[in-house]
Amino acid sequence: MAEFIPFDPQVEVKGEIILTYVNALPYYQSMIQTVLYRYGIKHLFPDSWYLQRDWLNAFRELSLMYGSHALFLIGKAIAKPSNKKSLKEALEEIDSAYHMCHRNGEIGYYKLTMMDHGQRMATMECQNPYPSYFDMGMIISTARFHKSSPSDVIEIQRDESKPSRLLGDDSCTYILKW
C-alpha cells in the first residue's frame, strides 16, 4: 500500500490525533476543518473515533495543499515527551501510542529494528498508511526529546535500500544518527 491508503477499511483513529494535526498549524485551522468536514469529519472530539479512511483522504488533500515540510512539522507536533528514560524505550513506545489511537483491523506498526549506541545509530521500520514525512517528523521529535546528551545532534533519513511508501510499498525504514 502507498501513503494514505488504509490497510483495512474498518480501522478507526481517535479524535485526539486528528485534533493534534489541526492544532499543529494554527494559521490554517479553518482550512483544515473545512477539508475534514468535506470528508465527513464534522464534529471533532478527542475521545471519539473516526474512520481512518476519511482521515487519510483529508490528510492527502491537506498534504497536497501544504507540502512535505508541513507533514514533517505536524509529525513533530504529535510527538510528546514521555516519562521513558532512554531513547530506546521512547522509540519503542511510539508503537504502543499508535495502537492506543487506532482500532478495528490491521493498523500497521512502528518497530525499532536496530539500536547501536556504539555506532550512535538506530533504525525504525514503519508499516502504516501515513505519509513518510509525517513519520520522519514524529520519530525525530521523539528522539530529540529523549536524547542521551543535550549536545547530541540527531538526524533522520529514509533508508533508500528498503521498501518505501513513497514508491507504493507498505513500509518505510528510517535511520537515526547522533
N, C-alpha and C. Protein backbone atom coordinates (compact mmCIF):
# COMPACT_ATOMS: atom_id res chain seq x y z
N MET A 1 0.84 -1.19 0.00
CA MET A 1 0.00 0.00 0.00
C MET A 1 0.88 1.25 0.00
N ALA A 2 0.39 2.24 -0.62
CA ALA A 2 1.09 3.52 -0.64
C ALA A 2 0.58 4.39 0.52
N GLU A 3 1.12 5.56 0.61
CA GLU A 3 0.67 6.52 1.61
C GLU A 3 -0.82 6.80 1.41
N PHE A 4 -1.50 7.07 2.50
CA PHE A 4 -2.90 7.50 2.54
C PHE A 4 -3.91 6.42 2.17
N ILE A 5 -3.51 5.16 2.08
CA ILE A 5 -4.43 4.07 1.78
C ILE A 5 -4.48 3.13 2.98
N PRO A 6 -5.62 3.08 3.69
CA PRO A 6 -5.68 2.25 4.89
C PRO A 6 -5.48 0.77 4.56
N PHE A 7 -4.88 0.04 5.50
CA PHE A 7 -4.70 -1.40 5.33
C PHE A 7 -6.04 -2.13 5.43
N ASP A 8 -6.99 -1.54 6.17
CA ASP A 8 -8.28 -2.15 6.42
C ASP A 8 -9.32 -1.03 6.46
N PRO A 9 -10.43 -1.17 5.72
CA PRO A 9 -11.43 -0.08 5.68
C PRO A 9 -12.17 0.16 7.00
N GLN A 10 -12.06 -0.78 7.93
CA GLN A 10 -12.77 -0.64 9.21
C GLN A 10 -11.95 0.08 10.28
N VAL A 11 -10.69 0.35 10.01
CA VAL A 11 -9.83 0.97 11.02
C VAL A 11 -10.35 2.36 11.37
N GLU A 12 -10.28 2.65 12.66
CA GLU A 12 -10.67 3.97 13.17
C GLU A 12 -9.48 4.61 13.88
N VAL A 13 -9.50 5.93 13.89
CA VAL A 13 -8.46 6.70 14.56
C VAL A 13 -9.13 7.60 15.60
N LYS A 14 -8.47 7.75 16.72
CA LYS A 14 -9.01 8.55 17.82
C LYS A 14 -8.92 10.04 17.48
N GLY A 15 -9.94 10.77 17.86
CA GLY A 15 -10.02 12.19 17.55
C GLY A 15 -8.87 13.03 18.08
N GLU A 16 -8.26 12.62 19.20
CA GLU A 16 -7.17 13.42 19.76
C GLU A 16 -6.00 13.55 18.78
N ILE A 17 -5.77 12.53 17.96
CA ILE A 17 -4.69 12.59 16.96
C ILE A 17 -5.04 13.59 15.86
N ILE A 18 -6.28 13.55 15.41
CA ILE A 18 -6.71 14.49 14.38
C ILE A 18 -6.66 15.92 14.92
N LEU A 19 -7.07 16.10 16.16
CA LEU A 19 -7.01 17.44 16.78
C LEU A 19 -5.58 17.94 16.89
N THR A 20 -4.64 17.06 17.17
CA THR A 20 -3.24 17.46 17.24
C THR A 20 -2.79 17.99 15.88
N TYR A 21 -3.21 17.33 14.82
CA TYR A 21 -2.91 17.78 13.46
C TYR A 21 -3.50 19.18 13.25
N VAL A 22 -4.77 19.35 13.58
CA VAL A 22 -5.45 20.64 13.41
C VAL A 22 -4.70 21.74 14.17
N ASN A 23 -4.29 21.44 15.39
CA ASN A 23 -3.62 22.43 16.22
C ASN A 23 -2.16 22.66 15.86
N ALA A 24 -1.58 21.76 15.07
CA ALA A 24 -0.17 21.91 14.69
C ALA A 24 0.05 23.07 13.72
N LEU A 25 -0.97 23.41 12.97
CA LEU A 25 -0.88 24.51 12.01
C LEU A 25 -1.98 25.54 12.32
N PRO A 26 -1.81 26.31 13.40
CA PRO A 26 -2.89 27.19 13.86
C PRO A 26 -3.36 28.19 12.80
N TYR A 27 -2.46 28.66 11.98
CA TYR A 27 -2.83 29.64 10.97
C TYR A 27 -3.81 29.06 9.96
N TYR A 28 -3.77 27.74 9.77
CA TYR A 28 -4.58 27.07 8.75
C TYR A 28 -5.76 26.29 9.34
N GLN A 29 -6.08 26.50 10.61
CA GLN A 29 -7.11 25.70 11.27
C GLN A 29 -8.44 25.72 10.54
N SER A 30 -8.90 26.86 10.10
CA SER A 30 -10.21 26.91 9.45
C SER A 30 -10.19 26.13 8.12
N MET A 31 -9.10 26.22 7.37
CA MET A 31 -8.99 25.47 6.13
C MET A 31 -8.95 23.96 6.41
N ILE A 32 -8.20 23.58 7.43
CA ILE A 32 -8.11 22.16 7.80
C ILE A 32 -9.49 21.65 8.21
N GLN A 33 -10.21 22.41 9.01
CA GLN A 33 -11.54 21.99 9.43
C GLN A 33 -12.50 21.89 8.25
N THR A 34 -12.37 22.78 7.28
CA THR A 34 -13.19 22.71 6.07
C THR A 34 -12.92 21.42 5.30
N VAL A 35 -11.66 21.06 5.17
CA VAL A 35 -11.30 19.82 4.46
C VAL A 35 -11.80 18.61 5.25
N LEU A 36 -11.62 18.60 6.55
CA LEU A 36 -12.13 17.49 7.36
C LEU A 36 -13.64 17.34 7.20
N TYR A 37 -14.34 18.44 7.21
CA TYR A 37 -15.79 18.44 7.05
C TYR A 37 -16.18 17.81 5.72
N ARG A 38 -15.45 18.14 4.69
CA ARG A 38 -15.72 17.62 3.35
C ARG A 38 -15.60 16.08 3.32
N TYR A 39 -14.77 15.52 4.18
CA TYR A 39 -14.58 14.08 4.23
C TYR A 39 -15.36 13.41 5.35
N GLY A 40 -16.35 14.11 5.88
CA GLY A 40 -17.26 13.52 6.85
C GLY A 40 -16.85 13.66 8.31
N ILE A 41 -15.76 14.35 8.58
CA ILE A 41 -15.34 14.56 9.96
C ILE A 41 -15.84 15.95 10.35
N LYS A 42 -17.09 15.98 10.82
CA LYS A 42 -17.77 17.26 11.01
C LYS A 42 -17.66 17.79 12.42
N HIS A 43 -17.70 16.92 13.38
CA HIS A 43 -17.61 17.33 14.79
C HIS A 43 -16.47 16.53 15.39
N LEU A 44 -15.43 17.20 15.76
CA LEU A 44 -14.20 16.54 16.20
C LEU A 44 -14.07 16.60 17.71
N PHE A 45 -14.05 15.42 18.34
CA PHE A 45 -13.92 15.30 19.79
C PHE A 45 -12.74 14.38 20.10
N PRO A 46 -11.94 14.70 21.10
CA PRO A 46 -10.73 13.93 21.40
C PRO A 46 -10.99 12.45 21.67
N ASP A 47 -12.08 12.11 22.34
CA ASP A 47 -12.33 10.71 22.71
C ASP A 47 -13.24 9.97 21.73
N SER A 48 -13.61 10.61 20.64
CA SER A 48 -14.43 9.94 19.62
C SER A 48 -13.53 9.26 18.60
N TRP A 49 -14.12 8.34 17.86
CA TRP A 49 -13.39 7.57 16.85
C TRP A 49 -13.92 7.90 15.47
N TYR A 50 -13.02 7.99 14.50
CA TYR A 50 -13.35 8.38 13.13
C TYR A 50 -12.72 7.37 12.17
N LEU A 51 -13.38 7.11 11.05
CA LEU A 51 -12.81 6.18 10.08
C LEU A 51 -11.47 6.70 9.59
N GLN A 52 -10.48 5.84 9.66
CA GLN A 52 -9.15 6.22 9.18
C GLN A 52 -9.19 6.59 7.70
N ARG A 53 -10.03 5.90 6.95
CA ARG A 53 -10.16 6.19 5.52
C ARG A 53 -10.52 7.66 5.29
N ASP A 54 -11.49 8.16 6.05
CA ASP A 54 -11.91 9.57 5.90
C ASP A 54 -10.78 10.50 6.31
N TRP A 55 -10.11 10.16 7.42
CA TRP A 55 -9.00 10.96 7.91
C TRP A 55 -7.87 10.98 6.89
N LEU A 56 -7.54 9.82 6.34
CA LEU A 56 -6.44 9.76 5.36
C LEU A 56 -6.79 10.51 4.07
N ASN A 57 -8.05 10.47 3.66
CA ASN A 57 -8.45 11.24 2.47
C ASN A 57 -8.27 12.74 2.71
N ALA A 58 -8.68 13.20 3.89
CA ALA A 58 -8.48 14.61 4.23
C ALA A 58 -6.99 14.92 4.36
N PHE A 59 -6.26 14.01 4.99
CA PHE A 59 -4.81 14.17 5.18
C PHE A 59 -4.13 14.31 3.81
N ARG A 60 -4.54 13.47 2.84
CA ARG A 60 -3.95 13.53 1.50
C ARG A 60 -4.18 14.91 0.86
N GLU A 61 -5.42 15.39 0.95
CA GLU A 61 -5.73 16.69 0.36
C GLU A 61 -4.92 17.80 1.04
N LEU A 62 -4.83 17.74 2.35
CA LEU A 62 -4.08 18.76 3.07
C LEU A 62 -2.59 18.69 2.74
N SER A 63 -2.09 17.48 2.53
CA SER A 63 -0.67 17.36 2.18
C SER A 63 -0.39 17.95 0.81
N LEU A 64 -1.34 17.81 -0.10
CA LEU A 64 -1.18 18.42 -1.42
C LEU A 64 -1.20 19.96 -1.33
N MET A 65 -1.99 20.45 -0.39
CA MET A 65 -2.10 21.90 -0.21
C MET A 65 -0.85 22.49 0.46
N TYR A 66 -0.31 21.79 1.47
CA TYR A 66 0.73 22.37 2.30
C TYR A 66 2.11 21.76 2.11
N GLY A 67 2.22 20.58 1.51
CA GLY A 67 3.51 20.01 1.17
C GLY A 67 4.17 19.16 2.23
N SER A 68 5.30 18.57 1.85
CA SER A 68 6.00 17.62 2.71
C SER A 68 6.59 18.28 3.96
N HIS A 69 7.00 19.52 3.87
CA HIS A 69 7.55 20.20 5.04
C HIS A 69 6.48 20.33 6.13
N ALA A 70 5.25 20.65 5.72
CA ALA A 70 4.16 20.75 6.69
C ALA A 70 3.89 19.39 7.33
N LEU A 71 3.97 18.30 6.54
CA LEU A 71 3.77 16.97 7.09
C LEU A 71 4.83 16.66 8.15
N PHE A 72 6.06 17.04 7.87
CA PHE A 72 7.16 16.86 8.82
C PHE A 72 6.88 17.63 10.11
N LEU A 73 6.45 18.88 9.99
CA LEU A 73 6.16 19.70 11.17
C LEU A 73 5.00 19.14 11.99
N ILE A 74 4.00 18.61 11.30
CA ILE A 74 2.85 18.03 12.00
C ILE A 74 3.29 16.78 12.75
N GLY A 75 4.11 15.95 12.12
CA GLY A 75 4.66 14.78 12.81
C GLY A 75 5.42 15.19 14.05
N LYS A 76 6.22 16.25 13.94
CA LYS A 76 6.96 16.74 15.10
C LYS A 76 6.00 17.20 16.21
N ALA A 77 4.89 17.82 15.83
CA ALA A 77 3.95 18.33 16.82
C ALA A 77 3.23 17.21 17.55
N ILE A 78 3.05 16.07 16.91
CA ILE A 78 2.34 14.96 17.54
C ILE A 78 3.19 14.30 18.61
N ALA A 79 4.49 14.26 18.41
CA ALA A 79 5.39 13.63 19.39
C ALA A 79 5.42 14.45 20.67
N LYS A 80 5.34 13.75 21.77
CA LYS A 80 5.36 14.40 23.08
C LYS A 80 6.42 13.72 23.95
N PRO A 81 7.03 14.46 24.86
CA PRO A 81 7.97 13.82 25.79
C PRO A 81 7.22 12.81 26.66
N SER A 82 7.86 11.72 26.98
CA SER A 82 7.24 10.74 27.87
C SER A 82 8.14 10.57 29.09
N ASN A 83 7.69 9.74 29.99
CA ASN A 83 8.50 9.50 31.19
C ASN A 83 9.53 8.40 30.96
N LYS A 84 9.68 7.95 29.73
CA LYS A 84 10.69 6.93 29.43
C LYS A 84 12.07 7.53 29.63
N LYS A 85 12.97 6.73 30.17
CA LYS A 85 14.29 7.25 30.49
C LYS A 85 15.28 7.15 29.35
N SER A 86 15.08 6.23 28.43
CA SER A 86 16.07 6.06 27.39
C SER A 86 15.48 6.31 26.01
N LEU A 87 16.36 6.62 25.09
CA LEU A 87 15.97 6.80 23.70
C LEU A 87 15.34 5.52 23.18
N LYS A 88 15.92 4.39 23.48
CA LYS A 88 15.41 3.09 23.02
C LYS A 88 13.97 2.90 23.48
N GLU A 89 13.71 3.13 24.78
CA GLU A 89 12.36 2.96 25.31
C GLU A 89 11.37 3.92 24.65
N ALA A 90 11.79 5.15 24.44
CA ALA A 90 10.91 6.14 23.82
C ALA A 90 10.56 5.76 22.38
N LEU A 91 11.55 5.29 21.63
CA LEU A 91 11.28 4.88 20.25
C LEU A 91 10.37 3.65 20.21
N GLU A 92 10.56 2.73 21.15
CA GLU A 92 9.69 1.56 21.22
C GLU A 92 8.27 1.94 21.63
N GLU A 93 8.14 2.98 22.40
CA GLU A 93 6.84 3.42 22.88
C GLU A 93 5.96 4.01 21.76
N ILE A 94 6.56 4.45 20.67
CA ILE A 94 5.78 5.00 19.56
C ILE A 94 4.73 4.00 19.11
N ASP A 95 5.10 2.73 19.02
CA ASP A 95 4.15 1.71 18.57
C ASP A 95 2.99 1.56 19.56
N SER A 96 3.28 1.58 20.85
CA SER A 96 2.21 1.47 21.85
C SER A 96 1.23 2.63 21.74
N ALA A 97 1.76 3.83 21.58
CA ALA A 97 0.90 5.01 21.44
C ALA A 97 0.06 4.91 20.17
N TYR A 98 0.68 4.44 19.10
CA TYR A 98 -0.02 4.27 17.83
C TYR A 98 -1.19 3.29 18.00
N HIS A 99 -0.95 2.19 18.69
CA HIS A 99 -2.00 1.20 18.89
C HIS A 99 -3.12 1.70 19.81
N MET A 100 -2.81 2.59 20.72
CA MET A 100 -3.84 3.16 21.59
C MET A 100 -4.77 4.10 20.83
N CYS A 101 -4.30 4.65 19.72
CA CYS A 101 -5.08 5.64 18.97
C CYS A 101 -5.66 5.10 17.66
N HIS A 102 -5.54 3.80 17.44
CA HIS A 102 -6.11 3.15 16.26
C HIS A 102 -6.76 1.84 16.69
N ARG A 103 -7.85 1.47 16.01
CA ARG A 103 -8.54 0.23 16.37
C ARG A 103 -9.30 -0.33 15.16
N ASN A 104 -9.77 -1.57 15.32
CA ASN A 104 -10.65 -2.26 14.37
C ASN A 104 -9.95 -2.69 13.08
N GLY A 105 -9.07 -3.62 13.19
CA GLY A 105 -8.46 -4.18 11.98
C GLY A 105 -6.97 -3.98 11.92
N GLU A 106 -6.41 -4.25 10.77
CA GLU A 106 -4.97 -4.14 10.55
C GLU A 106 -4.58 -2.67 10.49
N ILE A 107 -3.78 -2.23 11.46
CA ILE A 107 -3.40 -0.82 11.51
C ILE A 107 -1.94 -0.59 11.17
N GLY A 108 -1.14 -1.65 11.21
CA GLY A 108 0.29 -1.49 10.97
C GLY A 108 1.04 -1.33 12.28
N TYR A 109 2.27 -0.81 12.18
CA TYR A 109 3.11 -0.71 13.36
C TYR A 109 4.28 0.23 13.14
N TYR A 110 4.96 0.53 14.26
CA TYR A 110 6.25 1.22 14.31
C TYR A 110 7.18 0.30 15.07
N LYS A 111 8.29 -0.08 14.48
CA LYS A 111 9.18 -1.04 15.12
C LYS A 111 10.62 -0.54 15.11
N LEU A 112 11.21 -0.48 16.30
CA LEU A 112 12.63 -0.20 16.42
C LEU A 112 13.35 -1.49 16.01
N THR A 113 14.05 -1.47 14.88
CA THR A 113 14.66 -2.68 14.36
C THR A 113 16.13 -2.81 14.72
N MET A 114 16.75 -1.69 15.11
CA MET A 114 18.16 -1.73 15.48
C MET A 114 18.48 -0.52 16.34
N MET A 115 19.26 -0.76 17.38
CA MET A 115 19.74 0.32 18.23
C MET A 115 21.20 0.00 18.55
N ASP A 116 22.11 0.84 18.09
CA ASP A 116 23.53 0.61 18.30
C ASP A 116 24.14 1.88 18.90
N HIS A 117 24.32 1.87 20.21
CA HIS A 117 24.86 3.05 20.88
C HIS A 117 26.31 3.31 20.49
N GLY A 118 27.05 2.24 20.20
CA GLY A 118 28.44 2.39 19.79
C GLY A 118 28.57 3.14 18.47
N GLN A 119 27.71 2.79 17.52
CA GLN A 119 27.71 3.49 16.22
C GLN A 119 26.85 4.75 16.25
N ARG A 120 26.15 4.96 17.36
CA ARG A 120 25.26 6.12 17.53
C ARG A 120 24.24 6.15 16.40
N MET A 121 23.51 5.02 16.31
CA MET A 121 22.59 4.85 15.20
C MET A 121 21.43 3.95 15.61
N ALA A 122 20.25 4.21 15.05
CA ALA A 122 19.07 3.37 15.25
C ALA A 122 18.30 3.32 13.94
N THR A 123 17.50 2.27 13.77
CA THR A 123 16.60 2.21 12.61
C THR A 123 15.19 1.90 13.10
N MET A 124 14.24 2.52 12.44
CA MET A 124 12.82 2.31 12.73
C MET A 124 12.13 1.90 11.44
N GLU A 125 11.36 0.82 11.52
CA GLU A 125 10.52 0.40 10.40
C GLU A 125 9.10 0.83 10.71
N CYS A 126 8.47 1.50 9.76
CA CYS A 126 7.12 1.99 9.95
C CYS A 126 6.23 1.39 8.86
N GLN A 127 5.36 0.49 9.27
CA GLN A 127 4.41 -0.10 8.33
C GLN A 127 3.04 0.43 8.70
N ASN A 128 2.62 1.44 8.00
CA ASN A 128 1.34 2.09 8.23
C ASN A 128 1.00 2.94 7.00
N PRO A 129 -0.22 3.45 6.93
CA PRO A 129 -0.60 4.22 5.75
C PRO A 129 -0.32 5.71 5.81
N TYR A 130 0.42 6.15 6.81
CA TYR A 130 0.67 7.58 6.96
C TYR A 130 1.84 8.03 6.08
N PRO A 131 1.89 9.31 5.75
CA PRO A 131 2.96 9.79 4.87
C PRO A 131 4.34 9.71 5.51
N SER A 132 5.30 9.43 4.69
CA SER A 132 6.68 9.26 5.13
C SER A 132 7.20 10.48 5.89
N TYR A 133 6.96 11.66 5.38
CA TYR A 133 7.48 12.86 6.03
C TYR A 133 6.84 13.09 7.40
N PHE A 134 5.59 12.70 7.54
CA PHE A 134 4.91 12.78 8.83
C PHE A 134 5.62 11.87 9.84
N ASP A 135 5.86 10.61 9.44
CA ASP A 135 6.57 9.68 10.34
C ASP A 135 7.96 10.19 10.69
N MET A 136 8.66 10.73 9.72
CA MET A 136 10.00 11.26 9.99
C MET A 136 9.96 12.35 11.05
N GLY A 137 9.00 13.24 10.96
CA GLY A 137 8.87 14.31 11.95
C GLY A 137 8.57 13.77 13.34
N MET A 138 7.69 12.79 13.41
CA MET A 138 7.33 12.22 14.70
C MET A 138 8.51 11.48 15.33
N ILE A 139 9.24 10.71 14.53
CA ILE A 139 10.36 9.94 15.05
C ILE A 139 11.50 10.86 15.50
N ILE A 140 11.83 11.85 14.70
CA ILE A 140 12.96 12.73 15.07
C ILE A 140 12.61 13.54 16.32
N SER A 141 11.37 13.98 16.42
CA SER A 141 10.98 14.74 17.59
C SER A 141 11.02 13.87 18.84
N THR A 142 10.55 12.65 18.74
CA THR A 142 10.63 11.72 19.87
C THR A 142 12.08 11.51 20.28
N ALA A 143 12.94 11.29 19.30
CA ALA A 143 14.37 11.07 19.58
C ALA A 143 14.99 12.30 20.23
N ARG A 144 14.64 13.47 19.78
CA ARG A 144 15.23 14.69 20.35
C ARG A 144 14.75 14.92 21.78
N PHE A 145 13.51 14.55 22.10
CA PHE A 145 13.03 14.66 23.47
C PHE A 145 13.80 13.74 24.41
N HIS A 146 14.33 12.64 23.89
CA HIS A 146 14.91 11.59 24.74
C HIS A 146 16.38 11.30 24.45
N LYS A 147 17.06 12.23 23.86
CA LYS A 147 18.48 12.00 23.56
C LYS A 147 19.29 11.92 24.84
N SER A 148 20.40 11.22 24.74
CA SER A 148 21.24 10.97 25.92
C SER A 148 21.91 12.22 26.44
N SER A 149 22.35 13.08 25.53
CA SER A 149 23.10 14.26 25.92
C SER A 149 22.52 15.49 25.22
N PRO A 150 22.43 16.61 25.92
CA PRO A 150 21.92 17.83 25.28
C PRO A 150 22.73 18.25 24.05
N SER A 151 23.99 17.82 23.99
CA SER A 151 24.82 18.22 22.84
C SER A 151 24.64 17.30 21.63
N ASP A 152 23.92 16.19 21.80
CA ASP A 152 23.69 15.29 20.66
C ASP A 152 22.84 15.98 19.60
N VAL A 153 23.28 15.91 18.38
CA VAL A 153 22.50 16.39 17.24
C VAL A 153 21.97 15.15 16.53
N ILE A 154 20.66 15.00 16.50
CA ILE A 154 20.05 13.81 15.92
C ILE A 154 19.54 14.14 14.53
N GLU A 155 19.86 13.27 13.59
CA GLU A 155 19.41 13.42 12.20
C GLU A 155 18.63 12.18 11.80
N ILE A 156 17.74 12.36 10.83
CA ILE A 156 16.95 11.23 10.33
C ILE A 156 16.97 11.26 8.81
N GLN A 157 16.96 10.07 8.23
CA GLN A 157 16.84 9.94 6.77
C GLN A 157 16.13 8.64 6.47
N ARG A 158 15.46 8.60 5.34
CA ARG A 158 14.81 7.37 4.90
C ARG A 158 15.88 6.44 4.35
N ASP A 159 15.81 5.16 4.70
CA ASP A 159 16.75 4.16 4.20
C ASP A 159 16.31 3.80 2.77
N GLU A 160 17.03 4.31 1.81
CA GLU A 160 16.65 4.12 0.40
C GLU A 160 16.91 2.70 -0.10
N SER A 161 17.58 1.86 0.69
CA SER A 161 17.79 0.47 0.29
C SER A 161 16.61 -0.42 0.69
N LYS A 162 15.65 0.14 1.41
CA LYS A 162 14.48 -0.61 1.90
C LYS A 162 13.23 -0.16 1.15
N PRO A 163 12.14 -0.93 1.27
CA PRO A 163 10.88 -0.51 0.65
C PRO A 163 10.47 0.89 1.13
N SER A 164 9.65 1.55 0.32
CA SER A 164 9.22 2.90 0.67
C SER A 164 7.76 3.12 0.29
N ARG A 165 7.01 3.69 1.22
CA ARG A 165 5.62 4.06 0.90
C ARG A 165 5.60 5.11 -0.19
N LEU A 166 6.66 5.88 -0.31
CA LEU A 166 6.73 6.88 -1.38
C LEU A 166 6.71 6.22 -2.76
N LEU A 167 7.07 4.93 -2.79
CA LEU A 167 7.09 4.18 -4.04
C LEU A 167 5.98 3.13 -4.10
N GLY A 168 5.01 3.24 -3.18
CA GLY A 168 3.86 2.34 -3.20
C GLY A 168 3.97 1.12 -2.31
N ASP A 169 5.02 1.01 -1.51
CA ASP A 169 5.18 -0.13 -0.61
C ASP A 169 4.39 0.08 0.68
N ASP A 170 4.36 -0.96 1.52
CA ASP A 170 3.63 -0.90 2.79
C ASP A 170 4.40 -0.22 3.91
N SER A 171 5.70 -0.04 3.74
CA SER A 171 6.50 0.45 4.86
C SER A 171 7.61 1.37 4.39
N CYS A 172 8.19 2.05 5.36
CA CYS A 172 9.41 2.84 5.18
C CYS A 172 10.31 2.53 6.37
N THR A 173 11.60 2.59 6.14
CA THR A 173 12.57 2.43 7.22
C THR A 173 13.39 3.70 7.31
N TYR A 174 13.61 4.14 8.54
CA TYR A 174 14.32 5.39 8.77
C TYR A 174 15.58 5.11 9.60
N ILE A 175 16.62 5.85 9.31
CA ILE A 175 17.88 5.75 10.03
C ILE A 175 18.05 7.01 10.86
N LEU A 176 18.25 6.82 12.14
CA LEU A 176 18.56 7.92 13.05
C LEU A 176 20.05 7.86 13.37
N LYS A 177 20.71 9.01 13.33
CA LYS A 177 22.12 9.09 13.71
C LYS A 177 22.29 10.26 14.66
N TRP A 178 23.22 10.08 15.61
CA TRP A 178 23.50 11.16 16.55
C TRP A 178 24.96 11.17 16.93
